[in-house]
Amino acid sequence: MKKRNNNVGPQVRNRGRTTGQGATKALLAALMLFFFAAGFVGATQTFAHLMAYQATLGPNWNHVYAPWRIVQWFTHWQKVPSLAPYFTKSMGVGMLIAGGGILVTAIVKIAKSKKGKGNEFLHGSARWADINDIRAASLIENDGVYVGAFEEKNGKVTYLRHAGPEHVLTYAPTRSGKGVGLVIPTLLSWMHSAVIADLKGELWALTAGWRKNHAGQIVMRFEPASSRGSVRWNPLDEIRIGTDNEVADVQNLATLIVDPDGKGLESHWQKTSQALFVGVILHAIYKAKNGGPAATMSAVDGLLTDPARPIKGLWEEMMSYGHLPGGKNHTVVGRAARDMMDRPEEEAGSVLSTAKSYIELYRDPVVAANTSTSDFSIRDLMNHDTPVSLYIITQPTDKDRLRPLVRIMLNMMVRILAPKQEFENGRAKASYKHRMLFMIDEFPSLGKLEIIQGSLAFAAGYGLKFYLICQDINQLRSRETGYGHDELITSNCHVQNAYPPNRLETAEHLSKMTGQTTILKEQVTTSKNAGGGLFSGSTSKTIQETQRALLTADECLRMPGPRKNASGDIEEAGDMLLYITGYPMVYGKQPLYFKDPTFLARAQVAAPDKSDIIRKAKPGSVTARNDDDDEAAAPIRVKL
């Protein structure tokens, strides 16, 4: 009979596990060894019995001798004629025992070979991860982000943490406990820099105190719609003015301004508005550099809406102003103004009105004040002397209104913190002092951020680690507000975890990720003879191998969630799934930070009343930043 072909799926590289076929071989080998040893025991004890257990036979324990003594006795006394019959008889007993054992082993082998099919993984080889898989995946005893917990057979619950550079994607419905189970434990233990999307400011309240006072970090609170305690950041300060990159930087910023949802520049008005913004922003920055008003988003809006000057006056100024040394006009600025002057009046008015609509957010005096200058630069986040934690806080009532600004900030962070890769001694050279964690809850609600989707494949090489959280697969793949069916987020997140879903599509996605397994199906058939007595029937039993999902979609939907009290507070953790590329799915438990005394104590450290700042604005200084401004504006730590 042919050997089983169990080299399917992950079994091709069996990590020391014993498959069914391997277990059979081990059993046969054990039987052979046992009966071989039993033959020696039988021969030794038979010879000792025939010799009446004489003292000359050597040491024993209640007339029991070591199995190999028969060999020693034969070596010493084989030439004694009177003992020859004893040796013959005792060795015959030993051979009889060993021979019987060989016969039994052969019978077992034949029985095993007739049982089952040739491939025990014929219908699938999926299985749940055990503690050995979890250790192999390096999820225990490290300083990474929290991705779940695992309950062993003895009831012990072990936290699971991922310290590698790979990104994490979480599926968790609202009010499912992802904050208390994954986000807060991570922020109360992550020692490197972090950018945290914080809806309502809850994460600031629970984690900023520990990160500042015990992790020794600079903690900054950017809440653009708040007039109290927010750090300030001006997007225009990140433009590398006076370099070969200035036009590209401004074009990227202008694209973000006119594409607040990430759907691309679909209309003529978006494209023309983008070209207009490139010229106006450059004009505002160069005027500030030459001693004019600070270049801000509010100032750009002011140039386009100045009631004291006709708009034609702005176009003429942009074409005649001496932006560059020697009074030379900036080509890009002049061309943008000429484009507007050459358009028909009706079209030019439509372009202008469209452009104004994209920056009306900065007419809010609070937002304008919080974007009027920069208390930090994006490069400081990974290159300051100490790690930096930046909390981006948007209250629910302001979330949609502030989304364009948050998108600009995140986009510029990725572009600036993932520069051109440098190499040294044949290896990539780290161009940063601290790793950076992007903890972004409700990630798809920000709209499609193509820069993040595209950079996930290489961002890890720059020290960037993304922890992205969405409600379900539908939210992520929405064609209207998400990344579409062909998204690349799941492809580039090697760690994916999920709380019990409430959408069938997400359950089906998770079921497919667990894979198919082979199970035994037992079928019992009972028949009775017509007119027979009580015991006249017969029963037959058939066992078949069949396929099923390791976790079906409906089972996924019925996974136990967290148990809550009448107030909606979580009292007991629910179950969850954790997938690591290259390893079986983990059926885990949800961590709860408030059940852990260490985390609870850390969360009780009071958050600071105000944000730290890194850079102080110099009196009379301009806000447009050059690449060599770092030395002039030395980073400082403000103690609050």
Foldseek 3Di string as FASTA:
>chain_A
DDAFDACDDCVVVDPPDQDPSNVLVVVLVVLLVVLLLVLLQQLVLQLCVVVVVDCVLDDDDVSRDDSCSLVVCCVVCVPPVVCVVSNVVSNVSSVVSSVVSVVVSVVSVVVVVPPDDRYQFVFHAFDADAPVLLVVQVQADDQAFWDFWFQHPVRDIGTGGDHALFAEEEAAAPLQCCCQFGVLVRLQRRLFAEEEADEPCPSLFQRQLCCVPPSVAFEAEAELVDPFFHFAAFLLQQQQPPDPCNLVSLLVLLLLLLCQFPPGDDDPLSVLLSLLSSLLQLVLQLCLVVQHAFRGLLVSLCLLDVPVDPVLVSLVCLLQAQSDPPRDHDPSNNVSSVVLVPDPPVVSVSSSVSNSVSSVLCVPVSSVVRNRFGLDDLQCCFAPPGHYYYYYYYYPVCCVVCLSVVLSVVLVSLDVLDDDWDDDPRHTDAPTRTAYEYHYAQVLQSHDNPSCQVCLQPSSSRRYYYHYYHNAPCSQQPPVRHQHPPGNPVVRRQKYKYAQHDDLVRLQVVLVVQPKGKDKDKDKDKDADVPDDPPRIDMDIDIDIDMDGPAHSVNSNVFFGFDADPVSDGDGWTWMWMGGPPGHIHTGIGGGQCVDVVSVVSSPSGRDRHGWGFWDDDPSHHRHHHPPCCVVGDTDTDDD
